């Protein structure tokens, strides 16, 4: 190998090394943008699902889910042990239905 070839290879290596921080910064910026987009899409999906569930709860019971949660909150505040028992029973029933 000649000295000229080694010098060219060394210069190429230096250029590549100086490009590493720029490429890393570009990759990090792109990753942040993708994560931000995914978070936005996830939030929109959660809102859509919550809206759909709320509509189904209202269709089946005649009351919105917020009204049910408010009633359950009052029940838990006034009758903690009863609310805990009903919660355990509901979880058990849900487990039995899903398994």
N, C-alpha and C. Protein backbone atom coordinates (compact mmCIF):
# COMPACT_ATOMS: atom_id res chain seq x y z
N UNK A 1 0.85 -1.17 0.00
CA UNK A 1 0.00 0.00 0.00
C UNK A 1 0.90 1.23 0.00
N UNK A 2 0.49 2.21 -0.77
CA UNK A 2 1.33 3.40 -0.85
C UNK A 2 0.94 4.38 0.24
N UNK A 3 1.81 5.33 0.46
CA UNK A 3 1.57 6.37 1.47
C UNK A 3 0.38 7.23 1.07
N UNK A 4 0.23 7.52 -0.21
CA UNK A 4 -0.90 8.32 -0.69
C UNK A 4 -2.22 7.62 -0.41
N UNK A 5 -2.27 6.33 -0.61
CA UNK A 5 -3.49 5.56 -0.34
C UNK A 5 -3.81 5.58 1.15
N UNK A 6 -2.81 5.45 1.98
CA UNK A 6 -3.02 5.50 3.43
C UNK A 6 -3.52 6.87 3.86
N UNK A 7 -2.97 7.94 3.27
CA UNK A 7 -3.42 9.30 3.62
C UNK A 7 -4.87 9.51 3.21
N UNK A 8 -5.23 9.01 2.02
CA UNK A 8 -6.62 9.14 1.57
C UNK A 8 -7.56 8.38 2.51
N UNK A 9 -7.15 7.20 2.90
CA UNK A 9 -7.97 6.40 3.81
C UNK A 9 -8.10 7.09 5.16
N UNK A 10 -7.04 7.69 5.65
CA UNK A 10 -7.08 8.41 6.92
C UNK A 10 -8.02 9.61 6.84
N UNK A 11 -7.97 10.35 5.72
CA UNK A 11 -8.86 11.51 5.55
C UNK A 11 -10.32 11.06 5.48
N UNK A 12 -10.55 9.96 4.76
CA UNK A 12 -11.91 9.42 4.69
C UNK A 12 -12.41 9.03 6.08
N UNK A 13 -11.54 8.40 6.85
CA UNK A 13 -11.90 8.01 8.21
C UNK A 13 -12.20 9.22 9.09
N UNK A 14 -11.41 10.28 8.95
CA UNK A 14 -11.65 11.51 9.73
C UNK A 14 -12.98 12.14 9.35
N UNK A 15 -13.28 12.18 8.04
CA UNK A 15 -14.56 12.77 7.61
C UNK A 15 -15.74 11.98 8.17
N UNK A 16 -15.59 10.67 8.17
CA UNK A 16 -16.67 9.84 8.70
C UNK A 16 -16.83 10.03 10.20
N UNK A 17 -15.70 10.16 10.90
CA UNK A 17 -15.78 10.38 12.34
C UNK A 17 -16.39 11.73 12.67
N UNK A 18 -16.10 12.75 11.90
CA UNK A 18 -16.68 14.06 12.17
C UNK A 18 -18.17 14.08 11.83
N UNK A 19 -18.61 13.16 10.96
CA UNK A 19 -20.03 13.11 10.59
C UNK A 19 -20.87 12.38 11.63
N UNK A 20 -20.26 11.61 12.50
CA UNK A 20 -21.00 10.80 13.47
C UNK A 20 -21.91 11.65 14.36
N UNK A 21 -21.44 12.74 14.99
CA UNK A 21 -22.35 13.52 15.83
C UNK A 21 -23.53 14.10 15.04
N UNK A 22 -23.29 14.53 13.81
CA UNK A 22 -24.36 15.11 13.00
C UNK A 22 -25.40 14.04 12.67
N UNK A 23 -24.94 12.85 12.30
CA UNK A 23 -25.87 11.76 11.99
C UNK A 23 -26.63 11.33 13.24
N UNK A 24 -25.94 11.27 14.36
CA UNK A 24 -26.60 10.88 15.62
C UNK A 24 -27.66 11.91 16.01
N UNK A 25 -27.35 13.18 15.84
CA UNK A 25 -28.32 14.23 16.16
C UNK A 25 -29.53 14.12 15.26
N UNK A 26 -29.30 13.89 13.97
CA UNK A 26 -30.40 13.75 13.02
C UNK A 26 -31.26 12.54 13.38
N UNK A 27 -30.63 11.44 13.75
CA UNK A 27 -31.37 10.23 14.13
C UNK A 27 -32.19 10.46 15.40
N UNK A 28 -31.60 11.15 16.37
CA UNK A 28 -32.32 11.43 17.62
C UNK A 28 -33.51 12.34 17.36
N UNK A 29 -33.33 13.35 16.51
CA UNK A 29 -34.43 14.26 16.18
C UNK A 29 -35.56 13.51 15.49
N UNK A 30 -35.19 12.62 14.57
CA UNK A 30 -36.20 11.83 13.87
C UNK A 30 -36.94 10.91 14.84
N UNK A 31 -36.20 10.27 15.74
CA UNK A 31 -36.82 9.37 16.72
C UNK A 31 -37.78 10.13 17.64
N UNK A 32 -37.37 11.33 18.06
CA UNK A 32 -38.25 12.14 18.92
C UNK A 32 -39.53 12.50 18.19
N UNK A 33 -39.42 12.86 16.91
CA UNK A 33 -40.61 13.21 16.13
C UNK A 33 -41.53 12.00 15.99
N UNK A 34 -40.96 10.83 15.75
CA UNK A 34 -41.78 9.63 15.62
C UNK A 34 -42.47 9.27 16.93
N UNK A 35 -41.75 9.41 18.04
CA UNK A 35 -42.36 9.13 19.34
C UNK A 35 -43.48 10.12 19.63
N UNK A 36 -43.24 11.39 19.29
CA UNK A 36 -44.27 12.41 19.49
C UNK A 36 -45.51 12.08 18.66
N UNK A 37 -45.31 11.67 17.40
CA UNK A 37 -46.44 11.31 16.54
C UNK A 37 -47.18 10.10 17.09
N UNK A 38 -46.44 9.10 17.56
CA UNK A 38 -47.08 7.91 18.13
C UNK A 38 -47.86 8.26 19.40
N UNK A 39 -47.31 9.15 20.21
CA UNK A 39 -48.01 9.56 21.43
C UNK A 39 -49.31 10.27 21.08
N UNK A 40 -49.25 11.14 20.07
CA UNK A 40 -50.45 11.85 19.64
C UNK A 40 -51.50 10.87 19.11
N UNK A 41 -51.07 9.90 18.31
CA UNK A 41 -51.99 8.90 17.79
C UNK A 41 -52.58 8.04 18.91
N UNK A 42 -51.75 7.70 19.90
CA UNK A 42 -52.23 6.92 21.04
C UNK A 42 -53.26 7.68 21.86
N UNK A 43 -53.02 8.98 22.06
CA UNK A 43 -53.98 9.79 22.80
C UNK A 43 -55.30 9.89 22.05
N UNK A 44 -55.22 10.06 20.73
CA UNK A 44 -56.45 10.14 19.93
C UNK A 44 -57.20 8.82 19.98
N UNK A 45 -56.48 7.70 19.90
CA UNK A 45 -57.13 6.39 19.98
C UNK A 45 -57.79 6.21 21.34
N UNK A 46 -57.12 6.63 22.41
CA UNK A 46 -57.70 6.50 23.76
C UNK A 46 -58.97 7.34 23.87
N UNK A 47 -58.94 8.56 23.30
CA UNK A 47 -60.14 9.41 23.33
C UNK A 47 -61.28 8.76 22.54
N UNK A 48 -60.96 8.19 21.37
CA UNK A 48 -61.98 7.55 20.55
C UNK A 48 -62.60 6.35 21.27
N UNK A 49 -61.75 5.53 21.89
CA UNK A 49 -62.24 4.36 22.61
C UNK A 49 -63.10 4.79 23.80
N UNK A 50 -62.64 5.79 24.54
CA UNK A 50 -63.41 6.27 25.69
C UNK A 50 -64.77 6.81 25.25
N UNK A 51 -64.79 7.52 24.12
CA UNK A 51 -66.06 8.05 23.60
C UNK A 51 -66.99 6.91 23.20
N UNK A 52 -66.43 5.88 22.55
CA UNK A 52 -67.22 4.73 22.13
C UNK A 52 -67.77 3.98 23.34
N UNK A 53 -66.93 3.76 24.34
CA UNK A 53 -67.37 3.06 25.55
C UNK A 53 -68.45 3.87 26.26
N UNK A 54 -68.25 5.18 26.34
CA UNK A 54 -69.24 6.03 26.99
C UNK A 54 -70.58 5.95 26.26
N UNK A 55 -70.53 5.92 24.93
CA UNK A 55 -71.77 5.79 24.16
C UNK A 55 -72.46 4.46 24.40
N UNK A 56 -71.67 3.38 24.50
CA UNK A 56 -72.27 2.07 24.75
C UNK A 56 -72.86 1.99 26.16
N UNK A 57 -72.17 2.58 27.13
CA UNK A 57 -72.70 2.58 28.51
C UNK A 57 -74.02 3.34 28.54
N UNK A 58 -74.07 4.47 27.85
CA UNK A 58 -75.32 5.25 27.83
C UNK A 58 -76.41 4.48 27.11
N UNK A 59 -76.08 3.79 26.03
CA UNK A 59 -77.07 3.02 25.30
C UNK A 59 -77.65 1.89 26.16
N UNK A 60 -76.79 1.20 26.91
CA UNK A 60 -77.25 0.06 27.71
C UNK A 60 -77.93 0.47 29.01
N UNK A 61 -77.46 1.55 29.62
CA UNK A 61 -77.96 1.90 30.95
C UNK A 61 -78.77 3.18 31.00
N UNK A 62 -78.67 4.00 29.99
CA UNK A 62 -79.39 5.27 30.00
C UNK A 62 -78.62 6.37 30.70
N UNK A 63 -77.46 6.06 31.26
CA UNK A 63 -76.64 7.06 31.95
C UNK A 63 -75.22 7.03 31.37
N UNK A 64 -74.61 8.19 31.36
CA UNK A 64 -73.22 8.27 30.89
C UNK A 64 -72.30 7.64 31.93
N UNK A 65 -71.11 7.26 31.49
CA UNK A 65 -70.16 6.62 32.40
C UNK A 65 -69.72 7.58 33.50
N UNK A 66 -69.68 8.89 33.22
CA UNK A 66 -69.30 9.86 34.25
C UNK A 66 -70.31 9.83 35.41
N UNK A 67 -71.59 9.65 35.09
CA UNK A 67 -72.61 9.58 36.14
C UNK A 67 -72.41 8.32 36.98
N UNK A 68 -72.07 7.20 36.33
CA UNK A 68 -71.81 5.97 37.07
C UNK A 68 -70.59 6.13 37.97
N UNK A 69 -69.54 6.73 37.45
CA UNK A 69 -68.34 6.93 38.26
C UNK A 69 -68.59 7.86 39.44
N UNK A 70 -69.41 8.87 39.21
CA UNK A 70 -69.74 9.78 40.32
C UNK A 70 -70.52 9.03 41.40
N UNK A 71 -71.47 8.22 40.99
CA UNK A 71 -72.24 7.43 41.96
C UNK A 71 -71.37 6.44 42.71
N UNK A 72 -70.45 5.79 41.99
CA UNK A 72 -69.54 4.85 42.66
C UNK A 72 -68.61 5.57 43.62
N UNK A 73 -68.19 6.75 43.26
CA UNK A 73 -67.32 7.53 44.14
C UNK A 73 -68.05 7.89 45.44
N UNK A 74 -69.30 8.30 45.30
CA UNK A 74 -70.08 8.61 46.51
C UNK A 74 -70.30 7.37 47.36
N UNK A 75 -70.58 6.23 46.71
CA UNK A 75 -70.78 4.98 47.44
C UNK A 75 -69.51 4.60 48.19
N UNK A 76 -68.37 4.74 47.53
CA UNK A 76 -67.10 4.39 48.18
C UNK A 76 -66.81 5.33 49.34
N UNK A 77 -67.16 6.58 49.20
CA UNK A 77 -66.93 7.54 50.28
C UNK A 77 -67.83 7.27 51.48
N UNK A 78 -69.06 6.89 51.22
CA UNK A 78 -70.02 6.68 52.31
C UNK A 78 -69.98 5.26 52.88
N UNK A 79 -69.74 4.27 52.04
CA UNK A 79 -69.78 2.87 52.44
C UNK A 79 -68.57 2.14 51.85
N UNK A 80 -67.41 2.35 52.43
CA UNK A 80 -66.16 1.83 51.88
C UNK A 80 -66.11 0.32 51.77
N UNK A 81 -66.54 -0.40 52.82
CA UNK A 81 -66.46 -1.86 52.80
C UNK A 81 -67.42 -2.46 51.78
N UNK A 82 -68.59 -1.88 51.67
CA UNK A 82 -69.56 -2.38 50.68
C UNK A 82 -69.02 -2.15 49.26
N UNK A 83 -68.44 -0.98 49.04
CA UNK A 83 -67.88 -0.67 47.73
C UNK A 83 -66.72 -1.60 47.41
N UNK A 84 -65.90 -1.90 48.39
CA UNK A 84 -64.79 -2.83 48.16
C UNK A 84 -65.29 -4.22 47.81
N UNK A 85 -66.30 -4.68 48.52
CA UNK A 85 -66.89 -5.99 48.23
C UNK A 85 -67.50 -6.04 46.84
N UNK A 86 -68.23 -4.98 46.47
CA UNK A 86 -68.82 -4.94 45.13
C UNK A 86 -67.75 -4.89 44.05
N UNK A 87 -66.66 -4.17 44.32
CA UNK A 87 -65.55 -4.11 43.37
C UNK A 87 -64.90 -5.47 43.18
N UNK A 88 -64.68 -6.17 44.28
CA UNK A 88 -64.10 -7.52 44.20
C UNK A 88 -65.03 -8.45 43.44
N UNK A 89 -66.32 -8.35 43.70
CA UNK A 89 -67.30 -9.18 43.00
C UNK A 89 -67.31 -8.87 41.51
N UNK A 90 -67.24 -7.59 41.16
CA UNK A 90 -67.21 -7.19 39.75
C UNK A 90 -65.95 -7.70 39.06
N UNK A 91 -64.81 -7.62 39.74
CA UNK A 91 -63.57 -8.13 39.16
C UNK A 91 -63.62 -9.64 38.96
N UNK A 92 -64.19 -10.33 39.91
CA UNK A 92 -64.35 -11.77 39.79
C UNK A 92 -65.23 -12.12 38.60
N UNK A 93 -66.36 -11.42 38.47
CA UNK A 93 -67.28 -11.68 37.36
C UNK A 93 -66.61 -11.39 36.03
N UNK A 94 -65.85 -10.32 35.97
CA UNK A 94 -65.12 -9.97 34.74
C UNK A 94 -64.08 -11.05 34.42
N UNK A 95 -63.37 -11.51 35.42
CA UNK A 95 -62.39 -12.57 35.23
C UNK A 95 -63.05 -13.84 34.71
N UNK A 96 -64.19 -14.20 35.27
CA UNK A 96 -64.89 -15.41 34.86
C UNK A 96 -65.37 -15.25 33.42
N UNK A 97 -65.83 -14.09 33.05
CA UNK A 97 -66.31 -13.87 31.69
C UNK A 97 -65.19 -13.90 30.67
N UNK A 98 -64.03 -13.40 31.04
CA UNK A 98 -62.92 -13.29 30.10
C UNK A 98 -62.11 -14.59 29.98
N UNK A 99 -62.16 -15.41 31.01
CA UNK A 99 -61.36 -16.65 30.98
C UNK A 99 -62.21 -17.82 30.68
